[in-house]
Amino acid sequence: MKAFSYRGLAIETTLAELIEGNWSSGMSANSVIGSLLSLSVAHGVHVFWTGNHQHTADIVEGIIYHFLRAKFKEVENLSH
């Protein structure tokens, strides 16, 4: 992931659903949250609680739009 200038992780659930703990892995919600916070701080990964696949698609589309917009502005500034 270090090769990328932007790192993100979309999780298709809500934080409230995670805390409820209805999944088969057996990890506690605190363990999952702690791991994600550590990933965010140690590696600069942005974590998004998207809720469902449609929200995930919307968020990823928005991130790509803004990321590319910023990159195009950087290129334009190089040519001036």
C-alpha atoms as a PDB file:
ATOM      1  CA  MET A   1       0.000   0.000   0.000  1.00  0.00           C
ATOM      2  CA  LYS A   2       2.917   2.366   0.489  1.00  0.00           C
ATOM      3  CA  ALA A   3       3.166   2.762  -3.294  1.00  0.00           C
ATOM      4  CA  PHE A   4      -0.128   4.671  -3.290  1.00  0.00           C
ATOM      5  CA  SER A   5      -0.413   8.313  -2.230  1.00  0.00           C
ATOM      6  CA  TYR A   6      -3.951   7.732  -0.937  1.00  0.00           C
ATOM      7  CA  ARG A   7      -4.974   4.664   1.015  1.00  0.00           C
ATOM      8  CA  GLY A   8      -8.540   3.906   1.988  1.00  0.00           C
ATOM      9  CA  LEU A   9     -10.600   1.058   3.336  1.00  0.00           C
ATOM     10  CA  ALA A  10     -14.367   0.952   2.852  1.00  0.00           C
ATOM     11  CA  ILE A  11     -16.203  -1.267   5.316  1.00  0.00           C
ATOM     12  CA  GLU A  12     -19.725  -2.149   4.235  1.00  0.00           C
ATOM     13  CA  THR A  13     -21.265  -1.995   7.680  1.00  0.00           C
ATOM     14  CA  THR A  14     -21.899   0.677  10.254  1.00  0.00           C
ATOM     15  CA  LEU A  15     -19.974   1.134  13.450  1.00  0.00           C
ATOM     16  CA  ALA A  16     -23.191   0.351  15.359  1.00  0.00           C
ATOM     17  CA  GLU A  17     -23.543  -2.972  13.500  1.00  0.00           C
ATOM     18  CA  LEU A  18     -19.919  -3.804  14.239  1.00  0.00           C
ATOM     19  CA  ILE A  19     -20.429  -3.133  17.938  1.00  0.00           C
ATOM     20  CA  GLU A  20     -23.454  -5.463  17.948  1.00  0.00           C
ATOM     21  CA  GLY A  21     -20.990  -8.218  17.058  1.00  0.00           C
ATOM     22  CA  ASN A  22     -23.152 -10.383  14.816  1.00  0.00           C
ATOM     23  CA  TRP A  23     -20.421 -12.043  12.743  1.00  0.00           C
ATOM     24  CA  SER A  24     -18.771 -15.450  12.629  1.00  0.00           C
ATOM     25  CA  SER A  25     -15.096 -14.590  13.181  1.00  0.00           C
ATOM     26  CA  GLY A  26     -15.388 -14.344  16.947  1.00  0.00           C
ATOM     27  CA  MET A  27     -13.277 -11.145  17.137  1.00  0.00           C
ATOM     28  CA  SER A  28     -14.538  -8.589  19.588  1.00  0.00           C
ATOM     29  CA  ALA A  29     -15.671  -5.207  18.338  1.00  0.00           C
ATOM     30  CA  ASN A  30     -12.929  -3.564  20.403  1.00  0.00           C
ATOM     31  CA  SER A  31     -10.283  -5.717  18.681  1.00  0.00           C
ATOM     32  CA  VAL A  32     -11.587  -4.804  15.233  1.00  0.00           C
ATOM     33  CA  ILE A  33     -11.799  -1.100  16.071  1.00  0.00           C
ATOM     34  CA  GLY A  34      -8.333  -1.119  17.647  1.00  0.00           C
ATOM     35  CA  SER A  35      -6.849  -2.825  14.598  1.00  0.00           C
ATOM     36  CA  LEU A  36      -8.469  -0.313  12.243  1.00  0.00           C
ATOM     37  CA  LEU A  37      -7.309   2.653  14.326  1.00  0.00           C
ATOM     38  CA  SER A  38      -3.787   1.266  14.359  1.00  0.00           C
ATOM     39  CA  LEU A  39      -3.875   0.736  10.581  1.00  0.00           C
ATOM     40  CA  SER A  40      -5.061   4.299  10.142  1.00  0.00           C
ATOM     41  CA  VAL A  41      -2.373   5.852  12.328  1.00  0.00           C
ATOM     42  CA  ALA A  42       0.560   3.614  11.391  1.00  0.00           C
ATOM     43  CA  HIS A  43      -0.065   3.494   7.642  1.00  0.00           C
ATOM     44  CA  GLY A  44      -2.243   6.511   6.856  1.00  0.00           C
ATOM     45  CA  VAL A  45      -5.226   4.401   5.814  1.00  0.00           C
ATOM     46  CA  HIS A  46      -8.527   6.282   5.764  1.00  0.00           C
ATOM     47  CA  VAL A  47     -11.322   4.064   7.122  1.00  0.00           C
ATOM     48  CA  PHE A  48     -14.881   4.594   5.896  1.00  0.00           C
ATOM     49  CA  TRP A  49     -17.913   2.954   7.515  1.00  0.00           C
ATOM     50  CA  THR A  50     -20.164   2.902   4.467  1.00  0.00           C
ATOM     51  CA  GLY A  51     -23.142   0.844   5.620  1.00  0.00           C
ATOM     52  CA  ASN A  52     -23.856  -0.882   2.310  1.00  0.00           C
ATOM     53  CA  HIS A  53     -22.546  -1.455  -1.197  1.00  0.00           C
ATOM     54  CA  GLN A  54     -24.353   1.539  -2.732  1.00  0.00           C
ATOM     55  CA  HIS A  55     -22.858   3.940  -0.185  1.00  0.00           C
ATOM     56  CA  THR A  56     -19.473   2.312  -0.771  1.00  0.00           C
ATOM     57  CA  ALA A  57     -19.759   2.950  -4.505  1.00  0.00           C
ATOM     58  CA  ASP A  58     -20.761   6.574  -3.903  1.00  0.00           C
ATOM     59  CA  ILE A  59     -17.883   7.179  -1.502  1.00  0.00           C
ATOM     60  CA  VAL A  60     -15.287   5.522  -3.740  1.00  0.00           C
ATOM     61  CA  GLU A  61     -16.544   7.510  -6.732  1.00  0.00           C
ATOM     62  CA  GLY A  62     -16.274  10.750  -4.749  1.00  0.00           C
ATOM     63  CA  ILE A  63     -12.772   9.926  -3.535  1.00  0.00           C
ATOM     64  CA  ILE A  64     -11.591   9.116  -7.057  1.00  0.00           C
ATOM     65  CA  TYR A  65     -13.127  12.336  -8.379  1.00  0.00           C
ATOM     66  CA  HIS A  66     -11.447  14.547  -5.767  1.00  0.00           C
ATOM     67  CA  PHE A  67      -8.149  12.673  -5.947  1.00  0.00           C
ATOM     68  CA  LEU A  68      -7.945  13.027  -9.744  1.00  0.00           C
ATOM     69  CA  ARG A  69      -9.074  16.644  -9.590  1.00  0.00           C
ATOM     70  CA  ALA A  70      -6.204  17.426  -7.218  1.00  0.00           C
ATOM     71  CA  LYS A  71      -3.728  15.547  -9.432  1.00  0.00           C
ATOM     72  CA  PHE A  72      -4.873  17.431 -12.550  1.00  0.00           C
ATOM     73  CA  LYS A  73      -4.379  20.725 -10.702  1.00  0.00           C
ATOM     74  CA  GLU A  74      -0.848  19.640  -9.768  1.00  0.00           C
ATOM     75  CA  VAL A  75      -0.097  18.911 -13.436  1.00  0.00           C
ATOM     76  CA  GLU A  76      -1.581  22.254 -14.522  1.00  0.00           C
ATOM     77  CA  ASN A  77       0.619  24.061 -11.986  1.00  0.00           C
ATOM     78  CA  LEU A  78       3.702  22.350 -13.400  1.00  0.00           C
ATOM     79  CA  SER A  79       3.010  23.751 -16.854  1.00  0.00           C
ATOM     80  CA  HIS A  80       2.759  27.382 -15.675  1.00  0.00           C
END
